[in-house]
Amino acid sequence: MIKQQRITKIFSMIMILFCVFLAMAGTGHTRGKKGEWKLPQHYPDGFDGYGCLMRIDATKAVIDDSEKKLSPELTFHTPDGNDMPLEHIAPNSLVGYMVNKSNQIISIWLVSETCGNP
């Protein structure tokens, strides 16, 4: 009886630690923070999301195989400046992005010209 209670307590503690680990692991990927990369001063302190820009057109972008809607007020930012032309951000670039309340991307920030580690 005592042995079964001890096993139950140990199992419960392992499950709690596992849940904490899963919760922490899930938050790291969704929001990139400026401290993780060496980014220019004019970049935000964090992004709502980031990933590899696969494709972009006037209404949508594909980032890490996930299609995202674009806001009509979309702006592009590079280390060289703000409100840059779309041509400055090419496919297969690592980008961060910010979204509005409608979950449309309102700004795209070039992190690296190639996907992978900046």
N, C-alpha and C. Protein backbone atom coordinates (compact mmCIF):
# COMPACT_ATOMS: atom_id res chain seq x y z
N MET A 1 0.82 -1.19 0.00
CA MET A 1 0.00 0.00 0.00
C MET A 1 0.87 1.26 0.00
N ILE A 2 1.87 1.30 0.90
CA ILE A 2 2.77 2.46 0.97
C ILE A 2 3.58 2.57 -0.32
N LYS A 3 4.00 1.45 -0.86
CA LYS A 3 4.79 1.45 -2.10
C LYS A 3 3.97 2.01 -3.25
N GLN A 4 2.69 1.67 -3.32
CA GLN A 4 1.83 2.16 -4.39
C GLN A 4 1.63 3.68 -4.25
N GLN A 5 1.49 4.19 -3.04
CA GLN A 5 1.35 5.63 -2.82
C GLN A 5 2.61 6.37 -3.26
N ARG A 6 3.75 5.80 -2.97
CA ARG A 6 5.03 6.41 -3.35
C ARG A 6 5.15 6.45 -4.88
N ILE A 7 4.78 5.36 -5.54
CA ILE A 7 4.82 5.31 -7.00
C ILE A 7 3.87 6.35 -7.58
N THR A 8 2.69 6.49 -7.00
CA THR A 8 1.71 7.47 -7.48
C THR A 8 2.25 8.89 -7.33
N LYS A 9 2.89 9.20 -6.21
CA LYS A 9 3.47 10.53 -6.00
C LYS A 9 4.58 10.82 -7.00
N ILE A 10 5.45 9.86 -7.22
CA ILE A 10 6.55 10.04 -8.17
C ILE A 10 6.00 10.24 -9.57
N PHE A 11 5.02 9.43 -9.96
CA PHE A 11 4.42 9.55 -11.29
C PHE A 11 3.78 10.93 -11.44
N SER A 12 3.08 11.41 -10.40
CA SER A 12 2.44 12.73 -10.45
C SER A 12 3.47 13.83 -10.62
N MET A 13 4.58 13.73 -9.91
CA MET A 13 5.63 14.75 -10.02
C MET A 13 6.24 14.75 -11.42
N ILE A 14 6.45 13.58 -11.98
CA ILE A 14 6.99 13.49 -13.34
C ILE A 14 6.03 14.12 -14.34
N MET A 15 4.73 13.86 -14.19
CA MET A 15 3.74 14.43 -15.10
C MET A 15 3.69 15.95 -14.98
N ILE A 16 3.79 16.48 -13.77
CA ILE A 16 3.79 17.93 -13.58
C ILE A 16 5.01 18.55 -14.26
N LEU A 17 6.17 17.97 -14.06
CA LEU A 17 7.38 18.47 -14.71
C LEU A 17 7.27 18.40 -16.23
N PHE A 18 6.70 17.33 -16.73
CA PHE A 18 6.51 17.17 -18.17
C PHE A 18 5.60 18.28 -18.71
N CYS A 19 4.50 18.57 -18.01
CA CYS A 19 3.58 19.62 -18.44
C CYS A 19 4.25 20.99 -18.43
N VAL A 20 5.04 21.27 -17.41
CA VAL A 20 5.77 22.54 -17.34
C VAL A 20 6.73 22.64 -18.52
N PHE A 21 7.44 21.57 -18.81
CA PHE A 21 8.37 21.56 -19.93
C PHE A 21 7.64 21.82 -21.24
N LEU A 22 6.50 21.17 -21.46
CA LEU A 22 5.74 21.38 -22.69
C LEU A 22 5.25 22.82 -22.81
N ALA A 23 4.79 23.39 -21.72
CA ALA A 23 4.31 24.77 -21.75
C ALA A 23 5.43 25.73 -22.10
N MET A 24 6.60 25.52 -21.55
CA MET A 24 7.73 26.40 -21.84
C MET A 24 8.24 26.20 -23.26
N ALA A 25 8.24 25.00 -23.75
CA ALA A 25 8.73 24.72 -25.10
C ALA A 25 7.82 25.35 -26.14
N GLY A 26 6.53 25.39 -25.91
CA GLY A 26 5.59 25.94 -26.87
C GLY A 26 5.68 27.44 -27.01
N THR A 27 6.08 28.15 -25.98
CA THR A 27 6.13 29.61 -26.05
C THR A 27 7.36 30.13 -26.76
N GLY A 28 8.44 29.40 -26.79
CA GLY A 28 9.68 29.88 -27.38
C GLY A 28 9.62 30.03 -28.88
N HIS A 29 8.89 29.20 -29.56
CA HIS A 29 8.88 29.24 -31.02
C HIS A 29 7.98 30.34 -31.56
N THR A 30 6.90 30.69 -30.88
CA THR A 30 5.95 31.61 -31.46
C THR A 30 6.38 33.07 -31.44
N ARG A 31 7.12 33.46 -30.43
CA ARG A 31 7.49 34.87 -30.34
C ARG A 31 9.00 35.02 -30.27
N GLY A 32 9.57 35.54 -31.34
CA GLY A 32 11.01 35.77 -31.36
C GLY A 32 11.34 37.07 -30.66
N LYS A 33 12.33 37.07 -29.85
CA LYS A 33 12.72 38.27 -29.12
C LYS A 33 14.03 38.82 -29.67
N LYS A 34 14.18 40.13 -29.57
CA LYS A 34 15.35 40.81 -30.11
C LYS A 34 16.65 40.27 -29.53
N GLY A 35 16.65 39.87 -28.28
CA GLY A 35 17.86 39.37 -27.64
C GLY A 35 18.38 38.07 -28.23
N GLU A 36 17.52 37.33 -28.95
CA GLU A 36 17.94 36.08 -29.55
C GLU A 36 18.80 36.29 -30.79
N TRP A 37 18.66 37.44 -31.42
CA TRP A 37 19.40 37.76 -32.63
C TRP A 37 20.04 39.13 -32.47
N LYS A 38 21.07 39.39 -33.25
CA LYS A 38 21.66 40.73 -33.29
C LYS A 38 20.89 41.51 -34.35
N LEU A 39 19.99 42.38 -33.89
CA LEU A 39 19.13 43.13 -34.79
C LEU A 39 19.35 44.63 -34.61
N PRO A 40 19.04 45.41 -35.64
CA PRO A 40 19.21 46.87 -35.56
C PRO A 40 18.32 47.49 -34.48
N GLN A 41 18.69 48.69 -34.05
CA GLN A 41 17.94 49.41 -33.01
C GLN A 41 16.50 49.68 -33.42
N HIS A 42 16.24 49.91 -34.72
CA HIS A 42 14.89 50.27 -35.13
C HIS A 42 13.95 49.07 -35.21
N TYR A 43 14.44 47.88 -34.93
CA TYR A 43 13.60 46.68 -34.92
C TYR A 43 12.86 46.59 -33.58
N PRO A 44 11.67 45.97 -33.57
CA PRO A 44 10.94 45.83 -32.30
C PRO A 44 11.66 44.87 -31.35
N ASP A 45 11.30 44.93 -30.08
CA ASP A 45 11.90 44.05 -29.08
C ASP A 45 11.45 42.61 -29.23
N GLY A 46 10.34 42.38 -29.89
CA GLY A 46 9.85 41.03 -30.12
C GLY A 46 8.94 40.99 -31.33
N PHE A 47 8.74 39.81 -31.88
CA PHE A 47 7.85 39.61 -33.01
C PHE A 47 6.67 38.74 -32.57
N ASP A 48 5.55 38.88 -33.26
CA ASP A 48 4.41 37.99 -33.01
C ASP A 48 4.69 36.60 -33.56
N GLY A 49 5.57 36.51 -34.52
CA GLY A 49 5.97 35.23 -35.08
C GLY A 49 7.18 35.42 -35.97
N TYR A 50 7.80 34.33 -36.34
CA TYR A 50 8.95 34.40 -37.25
C TYR A 50 9.10 33.07 -37.96
N GLY A 51 9.83 33.09 -39.06
CA GLY A 51 10.07 31.86 -39.80
C GLY A 51 10.65 32.16 -41.15
N CYS A 52 10.72 31.12 -41.96
CA CYS A 52 11.28 31.21 -43.30
C CYS A 52 10.18 31.66 -44.27
N LEU A 53 10.40 32.79 -44.92
CA LEU A 53 9.46 33.30 -45.91
C LEU A 53 9.60 32.46 -47.17
N MET A 54 8.58 31.68 -47.47
CA MET A 54 8.62 30.80 -48.64
C MET A 54 8.13 31.52 -49.91
N ARG A 55 7.05 32.31 -49.73
CA ARG A 55 6.43 32.97 -50.88
C ARG A 55 5.61 34.14 -50.37
N ILE A 56 5.46 35.16 -51.21
CA ILE A 56 4.65 36.32 -50.83
C ILE A 56 4.01 36.90 -52.07
N ASP A 57 2.75 37.36 -51.93
CA ASP A 57 2.09 38.10 -53.00
C ASP A 57 1.30 39.24 -52.36
N ALA A 58 0.39 39.84 -53.09
CA ALA A 58 -0.30 41.04 -52.59
C ALA A 58 -1.22 40.77 -51.41
N THR A 59 -1.73 39.55 -51.25
CA THR A 59 -2.71 39.28 -50.20
C THR A 59 -2.27 38.27 -49.15
N LYS A 60 -1.22 37.50 -49.43
CA LYS A 60 -0.82 36.47 -48.47
C LYS A 60 0.67 36.18 -48.56
N ALA A 61 1.17 35.63 -47.46
CA ALA A 61 2.56 35.18 -47.40
C ALA A 61 2.55 33.76 -46.87
N VAL A 62 3.51 32.97 -47.32
CA VAL A 62 3.70 31.62 -46.78
C VAL A 62 4.99 31.65 -45.97
N ILE A 63 4.84 31.43 -44.67
CA ILE A 63 5.97 31.43 -43.75
C ILE A 63 6.00 30.07 -43.06
N ASP A 64 7.11 29.35 -43.23
CA ASP A 64 7.23 28.00 -42.67
C ASP A 64 6.04 27.12 -43.05
N ASP A 65 5.68 27.12 -44.31
CA ASP A 65 4.59 26.29 -44.84
C ASP A 65 3.22 26.64 -44.27
N SER A 66 3.08 27.81 -43.67
CA SER A 66 1.80 28.25 -43.13
C SER A 66 1.39 29.54 -43.83
N GLU A 67 0.20 29.53 -44.45
CA GLU A 67 -0.27 30.70 -45.18
C GLU A 67 -0.82 31.74 -44.21
N LYS A 68 -0.38 32.98 -44.36
CA LYS A 68 -0.79 34.09 -43.50
C LYS A 68 -1.38 35.19 -44.37
N LYS A 69 -2.49 35.78 -43.93
CA LYS A 69 -3.09 36.90 -44.65
C LYS A 69 -2.29 38.17 -44.36
N LEU A 70 -2.22 39.03 -45.38
CA LEU A 70 -1.50 40.30 -45.25
C LEU A 70 -2.49 41.45 -45.12
N SER A 71 -2.15 42.42 -44.30
CA SER A 71 -2.94 43.63 -44.15
C SER A 71 -2.69 44.54 -45.36
N PRO A 72 -3.70 45.30 -45.78
CA PRO A 72 -3.47 46.28 -46.86
C PRO A 72 -2.43 47.33 -46.48
N GLU A 73 -2.22 47.56 -45.18
CA GLU A 73 -1.24 48.54 -44.69
C GLU A 73 0.12 47.90 -44.42
N LEU A 74 0.41 46.78 -45.02
CA LEU A 74 1.65 46.04 -44.78
C LEU A 74 2.89 46.90 -45.05
N THR A 75 3.86 46.80 -44.14
CA THR A 75 5.15 47.47 -44.33
C THR A 75 6.27 46.44 -44.24
N PHE A 76 7.38 46.73 -44.93
CA PHE A 76 8.55 45.86 -44.94
C PHE A 76 9.72 46.62 -44.33
N HIS A 77 10.50 45.92 -43.52
CA HIS A 77 11.62 46.56 -42.83
C HIS A 77 12.86 45.70 -42.97
N THR A 78 13.98 46.36 -43.21
CA THR A 78 15.27 45.67 -43.33
C THR A 78 16.27 46.38 -42.41
N PRO A 79 17.44 45.80 -42.22
CA PRO A 79 18.45 46.50 -41.42
C PRO A 79 18.81 47.88 -41.99
N ASP A 80 18.59 48.08 -43.30
CA ASP A 80 18.90 49.36 -43.93
C ASP A 80 17.86 50.44 -43.68
N GLY A 81 16.64 50.06 -43.28
CA GLY A 81 15.63 51.07 -43.03
C GLY A 81 14.22 50.52 -42.95
N ASN A 82 13.30 51.44 -42.63
CA ASN A 82 11.88 51.10 -42.53
C ASN A 82 11.16 51.41 -43.83
N ASP A 83 9.98 50.81 -43.99
CA ASP A 83 9.12 51.02 -45.16
C ASP A 83 9.87 50.84 -46.47
N MET A 84 10.55 49.71 -46.58
CA MET A 84 11.33 49.39 -47.77
C MET A 84 10.43 48.73 -48.82
N PRO A 85 10.83 48.76 -50.09
CA PRO A 85 10.06 48.07 -51.12
C PRO A 85 10.11 46.55 -50.91
N LEU A 86 9.09 45.88 -51.38
CA LEU A 86 8.98 44.43 -51.26
C LEU A 86 10.19 43.71 -51.84
N GLU A 87 10.81 44.26 -52.86
CA GLU A 87 11.95 43.62 -53.51
C GLU A 87 13.13 43.40 -52.56
N HIS A 88 13.17 44.13 -51.45
CA HIS A 88 14.28 43.98 -50.50
C HIS A 88 14.15 42.73 -49.62
N ILE A 89 12.99 42.08 -49.66
CA ILE A 89 12.78 40.86 -48.88
C ILE A 89 12.44 39.74 -49.85
N ALA A 90 13.38 38.83 -50.04
CA ALA A 90 13.24 37.77 -51.02
C ALA A 90 12.78 36.47 -50.36
N PRO A 91 12.17 35.57 -51.15
CA PRO A 91 11.84 34.24 -50.62
C PRO A 91 13.09 33.56 -50.06
N ASN A 92 12.86 32.64 -49.13
CA ASN A 92 13.92 31.92 -48.41
C ASN A 92 14.71 32.82 -47.48
N SER A 93 14.09 33.91 -47.03
CA SER A 93 14.68 34.80 -46.03
C SER A 93 14.04 34.48 -44.68
N LEU A 94 14.82 34.65 -43.62
CA LEU A 94 14.29 34.52 -42.27
C LEU A 94 13.69 35.87 -41.89
N VAL A 95 12.40 35.86 -41.55
CA VAL A 95 11.69 37.10 -41.23
C VAL A 95 10.97 36.98 -39.89
N GLY A 96 10.78 38.12 -39.26
CA GLY A 96 9.88 38.24 -38.13
C GLY A 96 8.68 39.04 -38.61
N TYR A 97 7.55 38.88 -37.94
CA TYR A 97 6.38 39.64 -38.37
C TYR A 97 5.51 40.02 -37.18
N MET A 98 4.73 41.07 -37.40
CA MET A 98 3.77 41.55 -36.41
C MET A 98 2.38 41.43 -37.03
N VAL A 99 1.38 41.12 -36.21
CA VAL A 99 0.01 40.97 -36.71
C VAL A 99 -0.92 41.97 -36.02
N ASN A 100 -2.06 42.24 -36.68
CA ASN A 100 -3.08 43.11 -36.08
C ASN A 100 -4.13 42.25 -35.38
N LYS A 101 -5.20 42.89 -34.91
CA LYS A 101 -6.24 42.17 -34.18
C LYS A 101 -6.97 41.16 -35.06
N SER A 102 -6.95 41.36 -36.37
CA SER A 102 -7.58 40.42 -37.30
C SER A 102 -6.64 39.30 -37.70
N ASN A 103 -5.49 39.23 -37.05
CA ASN A 103 -4.46 38.22 -37.32
C ASN A 103 -3.88 38.33 -38.73
N GLN A 104 -3.90 39.54 -39.28
CA GLN A 104 -3.25 39.81 -40.57
C GLN A 104 -1.86 40.37 -40.28
N ILE A 105 -0.90 39.99 -41.09
CA ILE A 105 0.45 40.53 -40.93
C ILE A 105 0.46 42.00 -41.32
N ILE A 106 0.93 42.85 -40.40
CA ILE A 106 0.99 44.29 -40.69
C ILE A 106 2.41 44.76 -40.97
N SER A 107 3.41 43.98 -40.54
CA SER A 107 4.79 44.34 -40.85
C SER A 107 5.65 43.09 -40.90
N ILE A 108 6.59 43.11 -41.84
CA ILE A 108 7.56 42.02 -42.00
C ILE A 108 8.94 42.62 -41.82
N TRP A 109 9.76 41.94 -41.01
CA TRP A 109 11.10 42.42 -40.65
C TRP A 109 12.13 41.40 -41.09
N LEU A 110 13.05 41.80 -41.94
CA LEU A 110 14.11 40.90 -42.40
C LEU A 110 15.10 40.64 -41.27
N VAL A 111 15.25 39.37 -40.90
CA VAL A 111 16.20 38.98 -39.86
C VAL A 111 17.49 38.51 -40.50
N SER A 112 17.36 37.69 -41.55
CA SER A 112 18.52 37.16 -42.26
C SER A 112 18.12 36.90 -43.70
N GLU A 113 19.05 37.09 -44.62
CA GLU A 113 18.75 36.87 -46.04
C GLU A 113 18.62 35.40 -46.39
N THR A 114 18.99 34.53 -45.48
CA THR A 114 18.81 33.09 -45.69
C THR A 114 18.15 32.49 -44.45
N CYS A 115 17.38 31.44 -44.66
CA CYS A 115 16.75 30.76 -43.54
C CYS A 115 17.79 29.97 -42.77
N GLY A 116 17.52 29.74 -41.52
CA GLY A 116 18.48 29.07 -40.66
C GLY A 116 18.93 30.02 -39.59
N ASN A 117 20.10 29.81 -39.05
CA ASN A 117 20.62 30.68 -38.00
C ASN A 117 21.11 31.99 -38.60
N PRO A 118 20.65 33.13 -38.05
CA PRO A 118 21.10 34.43 -38.58
C PRO A 118 22.54 34.72 -38.23
